[in-house]
Amino acid sequence: MTTVVKRLTLEEYLVYDDGTDTRYELVDGELVEMPPESDRNNLISLYLLSQFLKFVPIQLIRHKDTELVVIGNRTRVRLPDLMILTQELLEAIAGGRATITPDMPSPTMVVEVVSPGKVNEDRDYRYKRSEYAARGIPEYWIVDAQKAKITLLTLVDGLYEETVFQGTEIIQSATFPLLNLTADQILAAGQV
C-alpha cells in the first residue's frame, strides 16, 4: 500500500495551524517538526545576540522565530537561530507576520547553531548553505559546539567562501568588522 503525502504550498504553510505550539520548517512541501533547542545552543545564540547588540539596534536582530523563505526543489521555510536584518528588510516585514518572503530583501547575516546528529549537520552545512547562497545572504555563520569551530561563509559571486575559526583565533566578520570574539569565547557561552 502506498501512502500519499499531501505537499503544502507556501500559502498553505503560512496559514497552517495544528492547534499545538509545535514549530515546523517547510521542506519541499512537507512539514518538518523542529524539536526544542538544547540549552547549550540557546545559550550560544543568546550570547551572540548580546554581542551583536553592541553594533546594531535590537530591531534589526531576529532570534529563532522569524521565518525565512528559500527555494529548494520546492519552496522551503527555514527558522534560523539568529538573523541580522537590513533597515529595508525591517520595513518590509513591519507589522506583518515574521516571515521573510522571496519578494523581500535578504537578511545581511544568518547564524545557525548546529544540533547533534548527521541530519542536523547535513541541514546546516549542506542544504542551508546552498539555500542561503541562492537567497543572496552575504554572511552565514555555522556555530558547531560538537566540533569546536565556527565556520564563517562569505558570499562571493553567488557562492560561499569558507573560513573556519577555532580556539583563540579572532573571528573576521564583514558584517561586524569591529567584533572582537574568538570561537572559544562563543562556545564557552554554551557551557554551564
N, C-alpha and C. Protein backbone atom coordinates (compact mmCIF):
# COMPACT_ATOMS: atom_id res chain seq x y z
N MET A 1 0.83 -1.17 0.00
CA MET A 1 0.00 0.00 0.00
C MET A 1 0.88 1.24 0.00
N THR A 2 0.57 2.19 -0.86
CA THR A 2 1.33 3.42 -0.97
C THR A 2 0.63 4.52 -0.20
N THR A 3 1.42 5.24 0.61
CA THR A 3 0.88 6.37 1.34
C THR A 3 1.20 7.64 0.57
N VAL A 4 0.19 8.44 0.35
CA VAL A 4 0.38 9.70 -0.36
C VAL A 4 0.47 10.82 0.66
N VAL A 5 1.55 11.58 0.58
CA VAL A 5 1.74 12.72 1.48
C VAL A 5 1.32 13.97 0.73
N LYS A 6 0.39 14.72 1.30
CA LYS A 6 -0.02 15.97 0.69
C LYS A 6 1.06 17.01 0.93
N ARG A 7 1.56 17.56 -0.13
CA ARG A 7 2.58 18.61 -0.02
C ARG A 7 1.88 19.96 0.07
N LEU A 8 2.39 20.78 0.99
CA LEU A 8 1.80 22.10 1.19
C LEU A 8 2.47 23.13 0.29
N THR A 9 1.69 24.07 -0.15
CA THR A 9 2.24 25.24 -0.83
C THR A 9 2.70 26.22 0.25
N LEU A 10 3.42 27.25 -0.14
CA LEU A 10 3.82 28.27 0.81
C LEU A 10 2.59 28.91 1.45
N GLU A 11 1.59 29.19 0.64
CA GLU A 11 0.37 29.83 1.15
C GLU A 11 -0.30 28.94 2.19
N GLU A 12 -0.37 27.62 1.94
CA GLU A 12 -0.98 26.69 2.89
C GLU A 12 -0.15 26.62 4.18
N TYR A 13 1.17 26.63 4.03
CA TYR A 13 2.04 26.60 5.20
C TYR A 13 1.82 27.84 6.08
N LEU A 14 1.71 28.98 5.44
CA LEU A 14 1.59 30.24 6.18
C LEU A 14 0.30 30.34 6.98
N VAL A 15 -0.72 29.56 6.63
CA VAL A 15 -1.97 29.57 7.41
C VAL A 15 -2.16 28.28 8.20
N TYR A 16 -1.19 27.36 8.12
CA TYR A 16 -1.30 26.07 8.79
C TYR A 16 -1.29 26.24 10.31
N ASP A 17 -2.20 25.55 10.97
CA ASP A 17 -2.27 25.58 12.43
C ASP A 17 -2.80 24.23 12.89
N ASP A 18 -1.96 23.47 13.58
CA ASP A 18 -2.42 22.16 14.07
C ASP A 18 -2.90 22.24 15.52
N GLY A 19 -3.02 23.47 16.04
CA GLY A 19 -3.53 23.64 17.39
C GLY A 19 -2.51 23.39 18.49
N THR A 20 -1.24 23.23 18.11
CA THR A 20 -0.18 23.00 19.10
C THR A 20 0.85 24.13 19.01
N ASP A 21 1.85 24.07 19.87
CA ASP A 21 2.96 25.03 19.82
C ASP A 21 4.13 24.50 19.00
N THR A 22 3.93 23.40 18.29
CA THR A 22 4.99 22.77 17.52
C THR A 22 5.47 23.73 16.43
N ARG A 23 6.80 23.83 16.32
CA ARG A 23 7.41 24.65 15.27
C ARG A 23 7.78 23.75 14.11
N TYR A 24 7.53 24.22 12.90
CA TYR A 24 7.82 23.45 11.70
C TYR A 24 8.63 24.28 10.73
N GLU A 25 9.51 23.59 10.00
CA GLU A 25 10.07 24.17 8.79
C GLU A 25 9.34 23.48 7.64
N LEU A 26 9.22 24.18 6.53
CA LEU A 26 8.63 23.60 5.33
C LEU A 26 9.78 23.20 4.42
N VAL A 27 9.85 21.91 4.09
CA VAL A 27 10.94 21.42 3.24
C VAL A 27 10.32 20.67 2.07
N ASP A 28 10.43 21.27 0.90
CA ASP A 28 9.87 20.68 -0.32
C ASP A 28 8.41 20.31 -0.15
N GLY A 29 7.66 21.17 0.51
CA GLY A 29 6.24 20.97 0.68
C GLY A 29 5.82 20.15 1.89
N GLU A 30 6.79 19.58 2.60
CA GLU A 30 6.47 18.76 3.77
C GLU A 30 6.81 19.50 5.05
N LEU A 31 5.95 19.33 6.06
CA LEU A 31 6.22 19.90 7.37
C LEU A 31 7.27 19.06 8.08
N VAL A 32 8.31 19.70 8.57
CA VAL A 32 9.35 19.02 9.32
C VAL A 32 9.36 19.63 10.71
N GLU A 33 9.02 18.82 11.71
CA GLU A 33 8.96 19.31 13.07
C GLU A 33 10.35 19.70 13.56
N MET A 34 10.43 20.86 14.17
CA MET A 34 11.68 21.35 14.73
C MET A 34 11.61 21.16 16.24
N PRO A 35 12.39 20.23 16.77
CA PRO A 35 12.34 20.00 18.22
C PRO A 35 12.91 21.20 18.96
N PRO A 36 12.62 21.30 20.25
CA PRO A 36 13.19 22.40 21.03
C PRO A 36 14.72 22.33 20.99
N GLU A 37 15.33 23.50 21.02
CA GLU A 37 16.80 23.58 21.03
C GLU A 37 17.34 23.08 22.36
N SER A 38 18.59 22.63 22.32
CA SER A 38 19.26 22.28 23.57
C SER A 38 19.58 23.58 24.32
N ASP A 39 19.74 23.47 25.61
CA ASP A 39 20.08 24.64 26.41
C ASP A 39 21.40 25.24 25.94
N ARG A 40 22.34 24.37 25.59
CA ARG A 40 23.65 24.83 25.11
C ARG A 40 23.50 25.71 23.87
N ASN A 41 22.71 25.23 22.90
CA ASN A 41 22.50 26.00 21.67
C ASN A 41 21.81 27.33 21.96
N ASN A 42 20.82 27.31 22.87
CA ASN A 42 20.14 28.55 23.24
C ASN A 42 21.10 29.55 23.85
N LEU A 43 21.96 29.07 24.74
CA LEU A 43 22.92 29.98 25.39
C LEU A 43 23.90 30.57 24.38
N ILE A 44 24.35 29.76 23.43
CA ILE A 44 25.27 30.27 22.41
C ILE A 44 24.60 31.33 21.56
N SER A 45 23.38 31.07 21.11
CA SER A 45 22.71 32.06 20.25
C SER A 45 22.37 33.33 21.03
N LEU A 46 22.00 33.19 22.30
CA LEU A 46 21.74 34.38 23.12
C LEU A 46 23.02 35.18 23.37
N TYR A 47 24.12 34.48 23.56
CA TYR A 47 25.40 35.18 23.74
C TYR A 47 25.74 35.99 22.49
N LEU A 48 25.59 35.37 21.32
CA LEU A 48 25.87 36.10 20.09
C LEU A 48 24.93 37.29 19.93
N LEU A 49 23.67 37.10 20.26
CA LEU A 49 22.72 38.20 20.21
C LEU A 49 23.21 39.35 21.08
N SER A 50 23.67 39.04 22.29
CA SER A 50 24.15 40.09 23.19
C SER A 50 25.37 40.80 22.62
N GLN A 51 26.21 40.10 21.89
CA GLN A 51 27.39 40.71 21.29
C GLN A 51 27.00 41.58 20.09
N PHE A 52 26.05 41.11 19.28
CA PHE A 52 25.63 41.87 18.11
C PHE A 52 24.92 43.16 18.50
N LEU A 53 24.27 43.15 19.68
CA LEU A 53 23.59 44.36 20.15
C LEU A 53 24.56 45.53 20.36
N LYS A 54 25.84 45.25 20.47
CA LYS A 54 26.83 46.31 20.61
C LYS A 54 27.00 47.09 19.31
N PHE A 55 26.52 46.50 18.18
CA PHE A 55 26.76 47.09 16.87
C PHE A 55 25.50 47.46 16.10
N VAL A 56 24.39 46.80 16.40
CA VAL A 56 23.14 47.08 15.68
C VAL A 56 21.99 47.19 16.67
N PRO A 57 20.96 47.97 16.34
CA PRO A 57 19.81 48.08 17.24
C PRO A 57 19.03 46.76 17.30
N ILE A 58 18.39 46.54 18.41
CA ILE A 58 17.66 45.29 18.63
C ILE A 58 16.61 45.05 17.54
N GLN A 59 16.05 46.12 16.97
CA GLN A 59 15.04 45.96 15.93
C GLN A 59 15.56 45.21 14.71
N LEU A 60 16.87 45.21 14.50
CA LEU A 60 17.45 44.54 13.33
C LEU A 60 17.89 43.10 13.62
N ILE A 61 17.65 42.62 14.83
CA ILE A 61 18.07 41.26 15.20
C ILE A 61 16.84 40.39 15.37
N ARG A 62 16.88 39.20 14.79
CA ARG A 62 15.81 38.23 14.96
C ARG A 62 16.40 36.97 15.57
N HIS A 63 15.68 36.40 16.53
CA HIS A 63 16.14 35.23 17.27
C HIS A 63 15.10 34.12 17.18
N LYS A 64 15.37 33.11 16.40
CA LYS A 64 14.64 31.85 16.32
C LYS A 64 13.26 31.84 15.69
N ASP A 65 12.45 32.85 15.84
CA ASP A 65 11.06 32.75 15.41
C ASP A 65 10.70 33.50 14.14
N THR A 66 11.66 34.03 13.44
CA THR A 66 11.37 34.67 12.16
C THR A 66 11.68 33.68 11.05
N GLU A 67 10.69 33.48 10.20
CA GLU A 67 10.81 32.50 9.12
C GLU A 67 11.51 33.14 7.92
N LEU A 68 12.26 32.32 7.21
CA LEU A 68 12.97 32.76 6.02
C LEU A 68 12.61 31.82 4.88
N VAL A 69 11.95 32.34 3.86
CA VAL A 69 11.56 31.52 2.71
C VAL A 69 12.75 31.43 1.77
N VAL A 70 13.14 30.20 1.44
CA VAL A 70 14.23 29.94 0.50
C VAL A 70 13.69 28.97 -0.56
N ILE A 71 14.44 28.78 -1.59
CA ILE A 71 13.98 27.91 -2.66
C ILE A 71 14.89 26.69 -2.74
N GLY A 72 14.28 25.51 -2.73
CA GLY A 72 14.99 24.24 -2.95
C GLY A 72 14.32 23.60 -4.15
N ASN A 73 14.10 22.27 -4.10
CA ASN A 73 13.31 21.61 -5.13
C ASN A 73 11.95 22.30 -5.23
N ARG A 74 11.43 22.57 -4.08
CA ARG A 74 10.19 23.32 -3.93
C ARG A 74 10.47 24.37 -2.86
N THR A 75 9.46 25.13 -2.53
CA THR A 75 9.65 26.17 -1.52
C THR A 75 10.03 25.55 -0.18
N ARG A 76 10.95 26.19 0.50
CA ARG A 76 11.36 25.80 1.85
C ARG A 76 11.26 27.02 2.76
N VAL A 77 10.90 26.76 4.00
CA VAL A 77 10.85 27.82 5.00
C VAL A 77 11.75 27.39 6.15
N ARG A 78 12.74 28.20 6.43
CA ARG A 78 13.71 27.90 7.49
C ARG A 78 13.47 28.82 8.69
N LEU A 79 13.91 28.34 9.86
CA LEU A 79 13.83 29.11 11.10
C LEU A 79 15.25 29.27 11.66
N PRO A 80 16.01 30.24 11.14
CA PRO A 80 17.39 30.41 11.61
C PRO A 80 17.46 30.76 13.09
N ASP A 81 18.59 30.41 13.71
CA ASP A 81 18.78 30.72 15.13
C ASP A 81 18.92 32.23 15.35
N LEU A 82 19.61 32.91 14.46
CA LEU A 82 19.78 34.36 14.54
C LEU A 82 19.83 34.93 13.13
N MET A 83 19.29 36.13 12.98
CA MET A 83 19.40 36.85 11.71
C MET A 83 19.64 38.32 12.01
N ILE A 84 20.41 38.95 11.15
CA ILE A 84 20.59 40.40 11.19
C ILE A 84 19.91 40.95 9.94
N LEU A 85 18.95 41.82 10.15
CA LEU A 85 18.18 42.39 9.05
C LEU A 85 18.81 43.69 8.58
N THR A 86 18.46 44.07 7.37
CA THR A 86 18.77 45.42 6.89
C THR A 86 17.60 46.32 7.27
N GLN A 87 17.79 47.61 7.22
CA GLN A 87 16.69 48.54 7.51
C GLN A 87 15.56 48.34 6.50
N GLU A 88 15.91 48.11 5.26
CA GLU A 88 14.91 47.90 4.21
C GLU A 88 14.08 46.63 4.49
N LEU A 89 14.73 45.58 4.95
CA LEU A 89 14.00 44.35 5.29
C LEU A 89 13.11 44.57 6.51
N LEU A 90 13.62 45.29 7.50
CA LEU A 90 12.81 45.60 8.68
C LEU A 90 11.52 46.30 8.27
N GLU A 91 11.63 47.26 7.38
CA GLU A 91 10.44 47.98 6.90
C GLU A 91 9.51 47.06 6.12
N ALA A 92 10.07 46.10 5.39
CA ALA A 92 9.25 45.18 4.59
C ALA A 92 8.42 44.23 5.45
N ILE A 93 8.94 43.81 6.61
CA ILE A 93 8.18 42.87 7.45
C ILE A 93 7.43 43.56 8.58
N ALA A 94 7.61 44.86 8.74
CA ALA A 94 7.00 45.60 9.86
C ALA A 94 5.48 45.42 9.88
N GLY A 95 4.98 45.05 11.06
CA GLY A 95 3.55 44.96 11.25
C GLY A 95 2.91 43.68 10.74
N GLY A 96 3.63 42.88 10.01
CA GLY A 96 3.06 41.64 9.48
C GLY A 96 3.62 40.43 10.17
N ARG A 97 3.32 39.28 9.61
CA ARG A 97 3.87 38.03 10.12
C ARG A 97 5.38 38.07 9.97
N ALA A 98 6.09 37.49 10.92
CA ALA A 98 7.56 37.49 10.90
C ALA A 98 8.07 36.45 9.91
N THR A 99 7.75 36.68 8.63
CA THR A 99 8.16 35.79 7.55
C THR A 99 8.82 36.61 6.47
N ILE A 100 10.04 36.25 6.12
CA ILE A 100 10.76 36.93 5.05
C ILE A 100 10.50 36.16 3.77
N THR A 101 9.69 36.75 2.90
CA THR A 101 9.28 36.09 1.66
C THR A 101 10.25 36.42 0.52
N PRO A 102 10.17 35.66 -0.58
CA PRO A 102 11.13 35.87 -1.68
C PRO A 102 11.11 37.26 -2.29
N ASP A 103 10.00 37.98 -2.17
CA ASP A 103 9.93 39.32 -2.74
C ASP A 103 10.55 40.39 -1.84
N MET A 104 11.00 39.99 -0.65
CA MET A 104 11.62 40.93 0.29
C MET A 104 13.14 40.85 0.17
N PRO A 105 13.82 41.89 0.63
CA PRO A 105 15.29 41.83 0.66
C PRO A 105 15.76 40.70 1.58
N SER A 106 16.97 40.26 1.37
CA SER A 106 17.55 39.21 2.22
C SER A 106 18.12 39.81 3.48
N PRO A 107 18.19 39.00 4.56
CA PRO A 107 18.93 39.47 5.74
C PRO A 107 20.40 39.63 5.36
N THR A 108 21.10 40.42 6.14
CA THR A 108 22.52 40.63 5.86
C THR A 108 23.37 39.50 6.43
N MET A 109 22.81 38.78 7.42
CA MET A 109 23.58 37.71 8.07
C MET A 109 22.62 36.71 8.71
N VAL A 110 23.00 35.43 8.66
CA VAL A 110 22.26 34.36 9.33
C VAL A 110 23.25 33.54 10.13
N VAL A 111 22.82 33.12 11.33
CA VAL A 111 23.63 32.24 12.18
C VAL A 111 22.81 30.99 12.48
N GLU A 112 23.43 29.83 12.30
CA GLU A 112 22.83 28.56 12.70
C GLU A 112 23.77 27.91 13.72
N VAL A 113 23.19 27.43 14.82
CA VAL A 113 23.94 26.69 15.83
C VAL A 113 23.58 25.23 15.62
N VAL A 114 24.57 24.42 15.26
CA VAL A 114 24.34 23.03 14.85
C VAL A 114 23.93 22.17 16.05
N SER A 115 22.85 21.43 15.86
CA SER A 115 22.44 20.44 16.85
C SER A 115 23.13 19.12 16.52
N PRO A 116 23.31 18.25 17.53
CA PRO A 116 24.00 16.98 17.27
C PRO A 116 23.23 16.10 16.28
N GLY A 117 23.98 15.29 15.54
CA GLY A 117 23.38 14.32 14.63
C GLY A 117 23.63 14.65 13.18
N LYS A 118 23.73 13.62 12.36
CA LYS A 118 24.03 13.77 10.93
C LYS A 118 22.95 14.56 10.20
N VAL A 119 21.69 14.31 10.50
CA VAL A 119 20.61 15.04 9.83
C VAL A 119 20.75 16.54 10.07
N ASN A 120 21.04 16.93 11.31
CA ASN A 120 21.20 18.34 11.64
C ASN A 120 22.45 18.94 10.98
N GLU A 121 23.54 18.18 10.99
CA GLU A 121 24.76 18.65 10.33
C GLU A 121 24.52 18.86 8.84
N ASP A 122 23.90 17.87 8.19
CA ASP A 122 23.62 18.00 6.76
C ASP A 122 22.75 19.22 6.48
N ARG A 123 21.75 19.44 7.31
CA ARG A 123 20.84 20.58 7.10
C ARG A 123 21.62 21.89 7.17
N ASP A 124 22.47 22.06 8.21
CA ASP A 124 23.17 23.33 8.38
C ASP A 124 24.37 23.50 7.46
N TYR A 125 25.15 22.43 7.26
CA TYR A 125 26.36 22.54 6.45
C TYR A 125 26.10 22.43 4.95
N ARG A 126 25.11 21.65 4.55
CA ARG A 126 24.89 21.41 3.12
C ARG A 126 23.69 22.17 2.57
N TYR A 127 22.50 21.83 3.07
CA TYR A 127 21.28 22.35 2.46
C TYR A 127 21.13 23.85 2.69
N LYS A 128 21.26 24.28 3.92
CA LYS A 128 21.10 25.70 4.20
C LYS A 128 22.20 26.52 3.53
N ARG A 129 23.37 25.95 3.42
CA ARG A 129 24.48 26.65 2.75
C ARG A 129 24.08 27.03 1.32
N SER A 130 23.55 26.08 0.58
CA SER A 130 23.16 26.38 -0.80
C SER A 130 21.91 27.25 -0.85
N GLU A 131 20.97 27.02 0.07
CA GLU A 131 19.74 27.82 0.10
C GLU A 131 20.04 29.27 0.43
N TYR A 132 20.88 29.51 1.43
CA TYR A 132 21.19 30.87 1.83
C TYR A 132 22.02 31.59 0.77
N ALA A 133 22.89 30.85 0.09
CA ALA A 133 23.65 31.45 -1.02
C ALA A 133 22.70 31.86 -2.14
N ALA A 134 21.77 30.97 -2.49
CA ALA A 134 20.80 31.28 -3.54
C ALA A 134 19.92 32.47 -3.15
N ARG A 135 19.68 32.63 -1.87
CA ARG A 135 18.86 33.74 -1.36
C ARG A 135 19.65 35.04 -1.33
N GLY A 136 20.99 34.95 -1.52
CA GLY A 136 21.83 36.14 -1.57
C GLY A 136 22.20 36.70 -0.22
N ILE A 137 22.26 35.85 0.80
CA ILE A 137 22.61 36.31 2.15
C ILE A 137 24.14 36.48 2.21
N PRO A 138 24.62 37.69 2.46
CA PRO A 138 26.06 37.96 2.38
C PRO A 138 26.94 37.17 3.35
N GLU A 139 26.43 36.86 4.55
CA GLU A 139 27.27 36.19 5.54
C GLU A 139 26.45 35.14 6.29
N TYR A 140 27.01 33.95 6.41
CA TYR A 140 26.34 32.83 7.08
C TYR A 140 27.34 32.18 8.03
N TRP A 141 26.99 32.14 9.32
CA TRP A 141 27.83 31.51 10.34
C TRP A 141 27.24 30.16 10.70
N ILE A 142 28.09 29.16 10.79
CA ILE A 142 27.70 27.85 11.31
C ILE A 142 28.50 27.64 12.59
N VAL A 143 27.80 27.65 13.72
CA VAL A 143 28.44 27.50 15.02
C VAL A 143 28.29 26.04 15.43
N ASP A 144 29.40 25.35 15.57
CA ASP A 144 29.37 23.91 15.83
C ASP A 144 30.13 23.60 17.12
N ALA A 145 29.38 23.49 18.21
CA ALA A 145 29.99 23.22 19.52
C ALA A 145 30.60 21.82 19.57
N GLN A 146 29.98 20.85 18.90
CA GLN A 146 30.49 19.48 18.92
C GLN A 146 31.88 19.39 18.27
N LYS A 147 32.10 20.17 17.22
CA LYS A 147 33.38 20.17 16.52
C LYS A 147 34.27 21.33 16.94
N ALA A 148 33.80 22.13 17.90
CA ALA A 148 34.56 23.26 18.46
C ALA A 148 35.08 24.20 17.37
N LYS A 149 34.15 24.62 16.49
CA LYS A 149 34.56 25.54 15.42
C LYS A 149 33.40 26.42 14.99
N ILE A 150 33.77 27.55 14.41
CA ILE A 150 32.82 28.46 13.79
C ILE A 150 33.21 28.52 12.31
N THR A 151 32.27 28.18 11.45
CA THR A 151 32.50 28.28 10.01
C THR A 151 31.82 29.55 9.53
N LEU A 152 32.59 30.47 9.01
CA LEU A 152 32.06 31.72 8.51
C LEU A 152 32.07 31.66 6.99
N LEU A 153 30.90 31.83 6.40
CA LEU A 153 30.75 31.76 4.95
C LEU A 153 30.42 33.15 4.43
N THR A 154 31.22 33.61 3.46
CA THR A 154 31.04 34.93 2.87
C THR A 154 30.66 34.75 1.41
N LEU A 155 29.57 35.41 0.99
CA LEU A 155 29.08 35.28 -0.37
C LEU A 155 29.96 36.06 -1.33
N VAL A 156 30.51 35.35 -2.32
CA VAL A 156 31.34 35.96 -3.36
C VAL A 156 30.88 35.41 -4.70
N ASP A 157 30.37 36.29 -5.56
CA ASP A 157 29.88 35.89 -6.89
C ASP A 157 28.89 34.73 -6.83
N GLY A 158 27.97 34.78 -5.86
CA GLY A 158 26.90 33.79 -5.78
C GLY A 158 27.23 32.51 -5.04
N LEU A 159 28.48 32.35 -4.61
CA LEU A 159 28.88 31.14 -3.87
C LEU A 159 29.56 31.57 -2.57
N TYR A 160 29.47 30.68 -1.57
CA TYR A 160 30.11 31.00 -0.30
C TYR A 160 31.56 30.57 -0.29
N GLU A 161 32.40 31.48 0.20
CA GLU A 161 33.79 31.16 0.51
C GLU A 161 33.86 30.94 2.00
N GLU A 162 34.56 29.89 2.40
CA GLU A 162 34.54 29.41 3.78
C GLU A 162 35.83 29.73 4.52
N THR A 163 35.67 30.22 5.75
CA THR A 163 36.79 30.38 6.67
C THR A 163 36.38 29.74 7.99
N VAL A 164 37.26 28.90 8.54
CA VAL A 164 36.96 28.20 9.79
C VAL A 164 37.79 28.83 10.90
N PHE A 165 37.11 29.11 12.02
CA PHE A 165 37.77 29.68 13.18
C PHE A 165 37.67 28.71 14.35
N GLN A 166 38.80 28.49 15.02
CA GLN A 166 38.83 27.62 16.19
C GLN A 166 39.71 28.27 17.26
N GLY A 167 39.50 27.81 18.48
CA GLY A 167 40.37 28.25 19.57
C GLY A 167 40.32 29.73 19.82
N THR A 168 41.50 30.34 19.92
CA THR A 168 41.61 31.75 20.29
C THR A 168 41.76 32.68 19.08
N GLU A 169 41.56 32.15 17.91
CA GLU A 169 41.63 32.95 16.69
C GLU A 169 40.46 33.93 16.64
N ILE A 170 40.73 35.21 16.38
CA ILE A 170 39.69 36.24 16.31
C ILE A 170 38.88 36.05 15.03
N ILE A 171 37.57 36.03 15.18
CA ILE A 171 36.67 35.87 14.03
C ILE A 171 36.67 37.14 13.20
N GLN A 172 36.82 36.98 11.91
CA GLN A 172 36.86 38.10 10.98
C GLN A 172 35.54 38.16 10.22
N SER A 173 34.66 39.08 10.59
CA SER A 173 33.34 39.20 10.01
C SER A 173 33.21 40.47 9.20
N ALA A 174 32.72 40.37 7.97
CA ALA A 174 32.47 41.56 7.16
C ALA A 174 31.29 42.34 7.72
N THR A 175 30.32 41.64 8.29
CA THR A 175 29.15 42.30 8.87
C THR A 175 29.51 43.06 10.14
N PHE A 176 30.39 42.47 10.94
CA PHE A 176 30.80 43.07 12.21
C PHE A 176 32.34 43.16 12.26
N PRO A 177 32.92 44.08 11.50
CA PRO A 177 34.39 44.15 11.45
C PRO A 177 35.04 44.51 12.78
N LEU A 178 34.30 45.13 13.69
CA LEU A 178 34.87 45.51 14.99
C LEU A 178 34.61 44.45 16.06
N LEU A 179 33.97 43.38 15.69
CA LEU A 179 33.71 42.29 16.63
C LEU A 179 35.04 41.70 17.07
N ASN A 180 35.20 41.54 18.37
CA ASN A 180 36.45 41.02 18.90
C ASN A 180 36.15 39.75 19.70
N LEU A 181 35.79 38.69 18.98
CA LEU A 181 35.40 37.42 19.60
C LEU A 181 36.19 36.27 19.01
N THR A 182 36.41 35.27 19.84
CA THR A 182 37.05 34.05 19.37
C THR A 182 36.02 32.92 19.39
N ALA A 183 36.34 31.84 18.70
CA ALA A 183 35.48 30.66 18.73
C ALA A 183 35.35 30.15 20.16
N ASP A 184 36.46 30.12 20.89
CA ASP A 184 36.42 29.66 22.29
C ASP A 184 35.44 30.47 23.14
N GLN A 185 35.43 31.79 22.96
CA GLN A 185 34.51 32.63 23.75
C GLN A 185 33.06 32.31 23.42
N ILE A 186 32.76 32.15 22.15
CA ILE A 186 31.39 31.85 21.73
C ILE A 186 30.96 30.48 22.26
N LEU A 187 31.81 29.48 22.09
CA LEU A 187 31.45 28.13 22.51
C LEU A 187 31.38 28.00 24.01
N ALA A 188 32.18 28.77 24.74
CA ALA A 188 32.16 28.72 26.21
C ALA A 188 30.83 29.25 26.74
N ALA A 189 30.17 30.10 25.98
CA ALA A 189 28.88 30.65 26.42
C ALA A 189 27.84 29.55 26.57
N GLY A 190 28.03 28.43 25.90
CA GLY A 190 27.07 27.35 25.98
C GLY A 190 27.34 26.37 27.11
N GLN A 191 28.39 26.60 27.85
CA GLN A 191 28.73 25.71 28.96
C GLN A 191 28.18 26.27 30.26
N VAL A 192 27.59 25.39 31.03
CA VAL A 192 27.01 25.82 32.31
C VAL A 192 27.92 25.42 33.43
